[in-house]
Amino acid sequence: MVWRVRRVVTGHDKNGKSKFLLDGHAPNVKEMVSMPGLALTDLWETLDAPADNSGAADAARRPIKLEPPTKGSILRIVEFPPDSAWRDQVDAKKAFDSIGAGHAKDHANADPMMHTTATVDYIIVLKGEIYAIMDTEETLLKAGDILIQRGTNHSWSVRGTEPCIVAAILIGAKPLGLAAKVRRQAAAGKRAGKAAAKPAAKTPAAGKAAAKKTAAGKTAARKPAAKKPAAGKPAAKKAGR
């Protein structure tokens, strides 16, 4: 059963006085497709920096995606089930696609959860134990421990019998490593697509150019020549005669 967290959100009333806007179980919960028991609960999201604290809308009321906006952040609770509950039956591509992160998965790695995000993550272990796994090593995190994950390729593993619950603050960052490579490839693909779709510049047909010349000749022919005074015509009388 997915762990539910009480979320309390503050704001202002119509007179500008501080108050509590929301108080109850955070409603935006998503269990990862093909990873039974692995659940994300988004508590809040910011879209830019500095963040906008005005208004009373629930900023977490939107589809759950793995990464925050480029200049934004996400506050999230993640529940990791024991490996025995999902690792032998996972469809990693389907799982990451379900949270808009098909690009994040390291498909060259046999670990189905190995991935990279363009973020800096502050991971706070609230309950249980979990292994944080890098490309070259791993370490065990226990309740009260904090991991600062800086855009690295990483995975998670719960090897006991109880789920591990962590709080995660994800902040948009410049992509590194696999994340940077994926974004370069995506940008190159978009440029190539735009170039292929762009219509070639039109050049005037030979017939149209010839027609323009003919029209110019006709215009010149119709234009009357400047009149010259007739030969022998007396000059205008001088004033006073």
Protein backbone atom coordinates (compact mmCIF):
# COMPACT_ATOMS: atom_id res chain seq x y z
CA MET A 1 0.00 0.00 0.00
CA VAL A 2 1.35 3.41 -1.03
CA TRP A 3 2.47 5.60 1.88
CA ARG A 4 0.37 8.79 2.13
CA VAL A 5 1.81 12.04 3.40
CA ARG A 6 0.04 14.98 5.01
CA ARG A 7 0.75 18.19 3.11
CA VAL A 8 0.17 21.64 4.61
CA VAL A 9 0.44 24.63 2.26
CA THR A 10 0.42 28.30 3.29
CA GLY A 11 -0.72 31.40 1.42
CA HIS A 12 -2.51 34.71 1.85
CA ASP A 13 -6.12 35.78 2.23
CA LYS A 14 -7.74 38.67 0.32
CA ASN A 15 -6.37 41.11 2.89
CA GLY A 16 -2.80 39.89 2.49
CA LYS A 17 -2.81 38.05 5.83
CA SER A 18 -1.05 34.68 6.03
CA LYS A 19 -3.18 31.56 6.31
CA PHE A 20 -3.24 27.82 5.60
CA LEU A 21 -4.57 27.07 2.11
CA LEU A 22 -4.33 23.27 2.05
CA ASP A 23 -4.12 20.64 4.76
CA GLY A 24 -4.56 16.95 4.03
CA HIS A 25 -3.11 13.97 2.22
CA ALA A 26 -1.21 15.06 -0.89
CA PRO A 27 -3.51 13.94 -3.72
CA ASN A 28 -1.07 13.77 -6.64
CA VAL A 29 0.20 10.17 -6.38
CA LYS A 30 1.45 7.97 -9.19
CA GLU A 31 2.55 4.35 -8.98
CA MET A 32 5.11 3.63 -11.67
CA VAL A 33 3.90 1.45 -14.52
CA SER A 34 5.48 -2.04 -14.36
CA MET A 35 7.22 -1.24 -11.06
CA PRO A 36 4.67 -2.38 -8.43
CA GLY A 37 4.90 -0.38 -5.22
CA LEU A 38 7.26 2.29 -6.57
CA ALA A 39 5.21 5.46 -6.03
CA LEU A 40 5.81 9.17 -6.57
CA THR A 41 3.85 11.75 -4.56
CA ASP A 42 4.38 15.31 -5.79
CA LEU A 43 3.86 17.94 -3.10
CA TRP A 44 4.77 21.14 -4.92
CA GLU A 45 6.35 22.51 -8.07
CA THR A 46 7.91 25.83 -9.04
CA LEU A 47 8.25 26.93 -12.66
CA ASP A 48 10.96 29.56 -12.49
CA ALA A 49 13.48 31.28 -10.24
CA PRO A 50 12.68 33.39 -8.32
CA ALA A 51 9.54 31.36 -7.67
CA ASP A 52 6.08 32.96 -7.77
CA ASN A 53 4.35 32.69 -4.37
CA SER A 54 1.21 34.56 -5.41
CA GLY A 55 -2.19 32.95 -5.90
CA ALA A 56 -3.88 30.00 -4.23
CA ALA A 57 -3.70 27.32 -6.94
CA ASP A 58 -2.28 23.87 -6.15
CA ALA A 59 1.04 23.92 -8.05
CA ALA A 60 1.31 20.12 -7.88
CA ARG A 61 -2.02 19.53 -9.62
CA ARG A 62 -0.67 18.32 -12.98
CA PRO A 63 0.61 15.07 -14.52
CA ILE A 64 3.63 13.68 -12.69
CA LYS A 65 6.88 13.86 -14.64
CA LEU A 66 10.33 12.79 -13.50
CA GLU A 67 12.08 16.13 -14.04
CA PRO A 68 11.09 19.67 -13.04
CA PRO A 69 10.89 22.60 -15.49
CA THR A 70 14.31 23.82 -16.65
CA LYS A 71 14.38 26.68 -14.12
CA GLY A 72 11.98 25.13 -11.64
CA SER A 73 11.85 22.58 -8.84
CA ILE A 74 9.78 19.69 -7.49
CA LEU A 75 9.22 18.55 -3.91
CA ARG A 76 8.43 14.84 -4.02
CA ILE A 77 8.03 11.80 -1.78
CA VAL A 78 9.23 8.53 -3.32
CA GLU A 79 8.40 5.10 -1.96
CA PHE A 80 10.78 2.36 -3.11
CA PRO A 81 9.54 -1.21 -2.61
CA PRO A 82 11.89 -4.14 -1.99
CA ASP A 83 13.70 -5.27 -5.15
CA SER A 84 11.95 -8.63 -4.89
CA ALA A 85 8.61 -6.94 -5.66
CA TRP A 86 9.53 -5.66 -9.11
CA ARG A 87 13.04 -6.25 -10.50
CA ASP A 88 12.23 -9.59 -12.15
CA GLN A 89 9.13 -8.30 -13.92
CA VAL A 90 9.92 -4.72 -14.88
CA ASP A 91 9.53 -3.14 -18.31
CA ALA A 92 11.97 -0.27 -17.78
CA LYS A 93 11.08 1.61 -20.96
CA LYS A 94 7.38 1.51 -20.15
CA ALA A 95 8.07 2.64 -16.60
CA PHE A 96 10.13 5.69 -17.56
CA ASP A 97 7.81 6.60 -20.44
CA SER A 98 4.91 6.72 -17.96
CA ILE A 99 6.52 9.71 -16.23
CA GLY A 100 7.72 11.47 -19.39
CA ALA A 101 11.31 10.30 -18.95
CA GLY A 102 12.03 7.81 -21.71
CA HIS A 103 15.09 9.92 -22.51
CA ALA A 104 16.52 9.52 -18.99
CA LYS A 105 16.97 5.72 -19.00
CA ASP A 106 20.47 4.37 -19.59
CA HIS A 107 19.52 1.62 -22.03
CA ALA A 108 23.11 0.41 -22.26
CA ASN A 109 23.07 -0.55 -18.57
CA ALA A 110 21.58 -3.86 -17.38
CA ASP A 111 20.16 -2.18 -14.25
CA PRO A 112 16.54 -1.31 -15.19
CA MET A 113 16.52 1.77 -12.95
CA MET A 114 19.83 3.30 -14.03
CA HIS A 115 19.11 6.79 -15.38
CA THR A 116 20.29 10.39 -15.53
CA THR A 117 18.35 13.65 -15.03
CA ALA A 118 19.26 17.27 -15.68
CA THR A 119 18.84 18.15 -12.00
CA VAL A 120 20.50 18.54 -8.66
CA ASP A 121 18.59 16.36 -6.16
CA TYR A 122 18.53 16.61 -2.38
CA ILE A 123 17.50 13.13 -1.21
CA ILE A 124 16.50 12.76 2.46
CA VAL A 125 15.86 9.22 3.73
CA LEU A 126 12.77 9.30 5.95
CA LYS A 127 12.20 5.61 6.59
CA GLY A 128 14.00 2.34 5.84
CA GLU A 129 17.26 1.71 3.99
CA ILE A 130 18.27 2.02 0.35
CA TYR A 131 21.41 1.59 -1.74
CA ALA A 132 22.36 4.53 -3.94
CA ILE A 133 24.18 3.12 -6.98
CA MET A 134 26.64 4.96 -9.24
CA ASP A 135 28.41 3.66 -12.35
CA THR A 136 31.45 2.60 -10.34
CA GLU A 137 30.28 2.11 -6.73
CA GLU A 138 27.36 2.09 -4.30
CA THR A 139 26.60 3.08 -0.71
CA LEU A 140 23.90 2.25 1.83
CA LEU A 141 21.69 5.12 3.03
CA LYS A 142 19.66 4.88 6.25
CA ALA A 143 16.93 7.00 7.86
CA GLY A 144 18.28 10.48 8.49
CA ASP A 145 20.97 10.27 5.80
CA ILE A 146 21.02 12.78 2.95
CA LEU A 147 22.32 12.29 -0.58
CA ILE A 148 23.12 15.21 -2.89
CA GLN A 149 22.76 13.81 -6.39
CA ARG A 150 24.37 16.09 -8.99
CA GLY A 151 23.18 15.05 -12.44
CA THR A 152 24.95 11.68 -12.27
CA ASN A 153 23.94 8.34 -13.75
CA HIS A 154 22.35 6.52 -10.81
CA SER A 155 20.00 3.80 -9.61
CA TRP A 156 18.34 2.60 -6.39
CA SER A 157 18.09 -0.77 -4.67
CA VAL A 158 16.14 -1.88 -1.59
CA ARG A 159 17.56 -5.27 -0.57
CA GLY A 160 15.61 -5.76 2.64
CA THR A 161 11.97 -6.70 3.10
CA GLU A 162 10.55 -3.24 3.94
CA PRO A 163 9.98 -0.29 1.60
CA CYS A 164 12.19 2.79 1.83
CA ILE A 165 10.64 6.25 1.79
CA VAL A 166 12.61 9.34 0.80
CA ALA A 167 11.89 13.02 0.34
CA ALA A 168 13.39 14.42 -2.85
CA ILE A 169 13.86 18.05 -3.85
CA LEU A 170 14.68 18.21 -7.55
CA ILE A 171 16.03 21.45 -9.02
CA GLY A 172 16.60 22.06 -12.72
CA ALA A 173 20.29 22.07 -13.70
CA LYS A 174 22.50 22.07 -16.76
CA PRO A 175 22.62 18.51 -18.15
CA LEU A 176 25.79 16.47 -17.82
CA GLY A 177 26.89 13.05 -19.06
CA LEU A 178 24.11 10.94 -20.54
CA ALA A 179 21.53 13.71 -20.05
CA ALA A 180 23.65 16.15 -22.06
CA LYS A 181 24.21 13.59 -24.83
CA VAL A 182 20.50 12.82 -25.11
CA ARG A 183 19.61 16.50 -25.32
CA ARG A 184 22.26 17.16 -28.00
CA GLN A 185 20.88 14.30 -30.07
CA ALA A 186 17.31 15.55 -29.62
CA ALA A 187 18.31 19.08 -30.65
CA ALA A 188 20.13 17.78 -33.73
CA GLY A 189 17.08 15.72 -34.67
CA LYS A 190 14.80 18.76 -34.40
CA ARG A 191 17.14 20.86 -36.56
CA ALA A 192 17.28 18.13 -39.20
CA GLY A 193 13.49 17.82 -39.17
CA LYS A 194 13.00 21.55 -39.62
CA ALA A 195 15.52 21.65 -42.46
CA ALA A 196 13.74 18.79 -44.27
CA ALA A 197 10.34 20.44 -43.83
CA LYS A 198 11.45 23.90 -45.00
CA PRO A 199 10.30 24.59 -48.60
CA ALA A 200 12.97 25.50 -51.13
CA ALA A 201 13.21 29.16 -52.11
CA LYS A 202 11.21 29.89 -55.27
CA THR A 203 13.10 31.20 -58.31
CA PRO A 204 11.25 33.05 -61.10
CA ALA A 205 10.54 30.86 -64.11
CA ALA A 206 12.32 31.71 -67.37
CA GLY A 207 8.99 32.51 -68.97
CA LYS A 208 8.08 35.00 -66.23
CA ALA A 209 11.43 36.76 -66.57
CA ALA A 210 10.96 37.07 -70.33
CA ALA A 211 7.43 38.39 -69.86
CA LYS A 212 8.73 41.07 -67.52
CA LYS A 213 11.28 42.18 -70.11
CA THR A 214 8.62 42.32 -72.85
CA ALA A 215 6.32 44.37 -70.62
CA ALA A 216 9.16 46.79 -69.89
CA GLY A 217 9.80 47.19 -73.64
CA LYS A 218 6.13 47.93 -74.36
CA THR A 219 6.02 50.53 -71.60
CA ALA A 220 9.06 52.26 -73.09
CA ALA A 221 7.51 52.20 -76.57
CA ARG A 222 4.27 53.80 -75.39
CA LYS A 223 6.00 56.64 -73.58
CA PRO A 224 5.90 59.80 -75.78
CA ALA A 225 9.20 61.45 -76.62
CA ALA A 226 9.91 64.97 -75.32
CA LYS A 227 8.72 67.67 -77.82
CA LYS A 228 11.36 69.84 -79.54
CA PRO A 229 10.62 73.36 -80.86
CA ALA A 230 9.86 73.42 -84.63
CA ALA A 231 12.66 74.69 -86.89
CA GLY A 232 12.28 78.36 -87.93
CA LYS A 233 9.70 79.18 -85.28
CA PRO A 234 10.34 82.72 -84.00
CA ALA A 235 11.58 83.03 -80.52
CA ALA A 236 9.21 84.32 -77.88
CA LYS A 237 8.86 88.11 -77.89
CA LYS A 238 10.90 89.91 -75.37
CA ALA A 239 9.06 91.59 -72.60
CA GLY A 240 8.10 95.14 -73.34
CA ARG A 241 7.60 94.76 -77.11
